[in-house]
Amino acid sequence: MRGLITARHLVTNGTTIIQEFGLPAYMQCIAACLFSRRQITFLEVIMRLRHARA
């Protein structure tokens, strides 16, 4: 298991992501999926959000 974010995961698990982590996390995942030059994991996105809020 690599844990990489894919567009398929965002579509099929969007509701769960929003309920558990909030809309900002979901939007960051979409942005990471679309605009990141490298593959990124869900955990990396969440950790970036946590550090940005601190």
N, C-alpha and C. Protein backbone atom coordinates (compact mmCIF):
# COMPACT_ATOMS: atom_id res chain seq x y z
N MET A 1 0.84 -1.18 0.00
CA MET A 1 0.00 0.00 0.00
C MET A 1 0.88 1.24 0.00
N ARG A 2 0.66 2.11 -0.94
CA ARG A 2 1.48 3.30 -1.06
C ARG A 2 0.79 4.53 -0.47
N GLY A 3 -0.53 4.55 -0.45
CA GLY A 3 -1.25 5.66 0.16
C GLY A 3 -1.30 6.92 -0.69
N LEU A 4 -1.08 6.79 -1.98
CA LEU A 4 -1.09 7.95 -2.86
C LEU A 4 -2.52 8.40 -3.13
N ILE A 5 -2.67 9.70 -3.29
CA ILE A 5 -3.97 10.28 -3.59
C ILE A 5 -4.20 10.17 -5.10
N THR A 6 -5.37 9.65 -5.47
CA THR A 6 -5.76 9.62 -6.87
C THR A 6 -7.11 10.28 -7.02
N ALA A 7 -7.42 10.70 -8.24
CA ALA A 7 -8.72 11.32 -8.49
C ALA A 7 -9.85 10.35 -8.16
N ARG A 8 -9.63 9.08 -8.44
CA ARG A 8 -10.64 8.07 -8.14
C ARG A 8 -10.93 8.02 -6.64
N HIS A 9 -9.89 8.06 -5.82
CA HIS A 9 -10.09 8.05 -4.37
C HIS A 9 -10.86 9.28 -3.91
N LEU A 10 -10.57 10.42 -4.49
CA LEU A 10 -11.25 11.65 -4.08
C LEU A 10 -12.73 11.61 -4.41
N VAL A 11 -13.06 11.02 -5.55
CA VAL A 11 -14.47 10.94 -5.94
C VAL A 11 -15.21 9.91 -5.09
N THR A 12 -14.62 8.73 -4.92
CA THR A 12 -15.32 7.67 -4.21
C THR A 12 -15.35 7.87 -2.70
N ASN A 13 -14.40 8.63 -2.14
CA ASN A 13 -14.33 8.82 -0.69
C ASN A 13 -14.49 10.27 -0.27
N GLY A 14 -14.99 11.10 -1.16
CA GLY A 14 -15.13 12.53 -0.88
C GLY A 14 -15.96 12.83 0.35
N THR A 15 -17.08 12.18 0.48
CA THR A 15 -17.97 12.42 1.62
C THR A 15 -17.27 12.08 2.93
N THR A 16 -16.58 10.97 2.96
CA THR A 16 -15.88 10.55 4.18
C THR A 16 -14.77 11.53 4.53
N ILE A 17 -14.01 11.97 3.55
CA ILE A 17 -12.92 12.92 3.80
C ILE A 17 -13.48 14.21 4.37
N ILE A 18 -14.55 14.71 3.78
CA ILE A 18 -15.15 15.97 4.25
C ILE A 18 -15.71 15.80 5.67
N GLN A 19 -16.38 14.70 5.94
CA GLN A 19 -16.95 14.48 7.27
C GLN A 19 -15.88 14.34 8.34
N GLU A 20 -14.82 13.63 8.04
CA GLU A 20 -13.79 13.35 9.04
C GLU A 20 -12.73 14.44 9.16
N PHE A 21 -12.38 15.09 8.05
CA PHE A 21 -11.26 16.04 8.06
C PHE A 21 -11.64 17.45 7.66
N GLY A 22 -12.82 17.65 7.09
CA GLY A 22 -13.29 18.97 6.74
C GLY A 22 -13.08 19.30 5.26
N LEU A 23 -13.82 20.30 4.83
CA LEU A 23 -13.76 20.74 3.43
C LEU A 23 -12.37 21.26 3.04
N PRO A 24 -11.67 22.01 3.91
CA PRO A 24 -10.32 22.46 3.53
C PRO A 24 -9.38 21.30 3.20
N ALA A 25 -9.46 20.22 3.94
CA ALA A 25 -8.61 19.05 3.67
C ALA A 25 -8.96 18.45 2.32
N TYR A 26 -10.23 18.36 2.02
CA TYR A 26 -10.67 17.81 0.73
C TYR A 26 -10.18 18.69 -0.42
N MET A 27 -10.30 19.99 -0.25
CA MET A 27 -9.85 20.91 -1.30
C MET A 27 -8.33 20.83 -1.48
N GLN A 28 -7.60 20.67 -0.40
CA GLN A 28 -6.15 20.52 -0.50
C GLN A 28 -5.79 19.23 -1.22
N CYS A 29 -6.54 18.18 -0.97
CA CYS A 29 -6.30 16.91 -1.66
C CYS A 29 -6.53 17.06 -3.16
N ILE A 30 -7.59 17.76 -3.52
CA ILE A 30 -7.87 17.99 -4.94
C ILE A 30 -6.73 18.79 -5.56
N ALA A 31 -6.31 19.85 -4.89
CA ALA A 31 -5.21 20.67 -5.41
C ALA A 31 -3.93 19.86 -5.53
N ALA A 32 -3.64 19.03 -4.55
CA ALA A 32 -2.43 18.20 -4.60
C ALA A 32 -2.50 17.21 -5.74
N CYS A 33 -3.66 16.65 -5.96
CA CYS A 33 -3.84 15.68 -7.03
C CYS A 33 -3.67 16.34 -8.40
N LEU A 34 -4.19 17.53 -8.54
CA LEU A 34 -4.16 18.21 -9.83
C LEU A 34 -2.86 18.93 -10.13
N PHE A 35 -2.26 19.55 -9.11
CA PHE A 35 -1.15 20.46 -9.37
C PHE A 35 0.21 20.03 -8.85
N SER A 36 0.28 18.97 -8.08
CA SER A 36 1.55 18.54 -7.54
C SER A 36 2.42 17.93 -8.64
N ARG A 37 3.69 18.26 -8.63
CA ARG A 37 4.60 17.71 -9.63
C ARG A 37 5.05 16.31 -9.28
N ARG A 38 4.81 15.90 -8.06
CA ARG A 38 5.16 14.54 -7.64
C ARG A 38 3.93 13.91 -7.00
N GLN A 39 3.99 12.62 -6.85
CA GLN A 39 2.88 11.94 -6.19
C GLN A 39 2.91 12.26 -4.71
N ILE A 40 1.75 12.44 -4.11
CA ILE A 40 1.66 12.86 -2.72
C ILE A 40 0.67 11.96 -1.98
N THR A 41 0.91 11.76 -0.70
CA THR A 41 0.02 10.92 0.09
C THR A 41 -0.99 11.77 0.85
N PHE A 42 -2.06 11.13 1.27
CA PHE A 42 -3.09 11.81 2.04
C PHE A 42 -2.51 12.35 3.35
N LEU A 43 -1.65 11.57 3.98
CA LEU A 43 -1.05 11.98 5.24
C LEU A 43 -0.22 13.25 5.08
N GLU A 44 0.50 13.39 3.97
CA GLU A 44 1.27 14.61 3.73
C GLU A 44 0.36 15.83 3.64
N VAL A 45 -0.77 15.69 2.99
CA VAL A 45 -1.72 16.80 2.86
C VAL A 45 -2.24 17.20 4.23
N ILE A 46 -2.64 16.23 5.03
CA ILE A 46 -3.19 16.50 6.36
C ILE A 46 -2.12 17.16 7.25
N MET A 47 -0.91 16.67 7.19
CA MET A 47 0.17 17.25 8.03
C MET A 47 0.46 18.68 7.61
N ARG A 48 0.41 18.99 6.33
CA ARG A 48 0.61 20.37 5.88
C ARG A 48 -0.48 21.28 6.44
N LEU A 49 -1.72 20.80 6.43
CA LEU A 49 -2.82 21.59 7.00
C LEU A 49 -2.63 21.83 8.49
N ARG A 50 -2.20 20.81 9.21
CA ARG A 50 -1.99 20.94 10.66
C ARG A 50 -0.90 21.95 10.97
N HIS A 51 0.19 21.91 10.19
CA HIS A 51 1.30 22.85 10.42
C HIS A 51 0.90 24.27 10.04
N ALA A 52 0.07 24.41 9.04
CA ALA A 52 -0.36 25.74 8.61
C ALA A 52 -1.25 26.39 9.67
N ARG A 53 -2.03 25.59 10.39
CA ARG A 53 -2.93 26.11 11.41
C ARG A 53 -2.20 26.45 12.70
N ALA A 54 -1.07 25.82 12.94
CA ALA A 54 -0.34 26.01 14.20
C ALA A 54 0.39 27.33 14.25
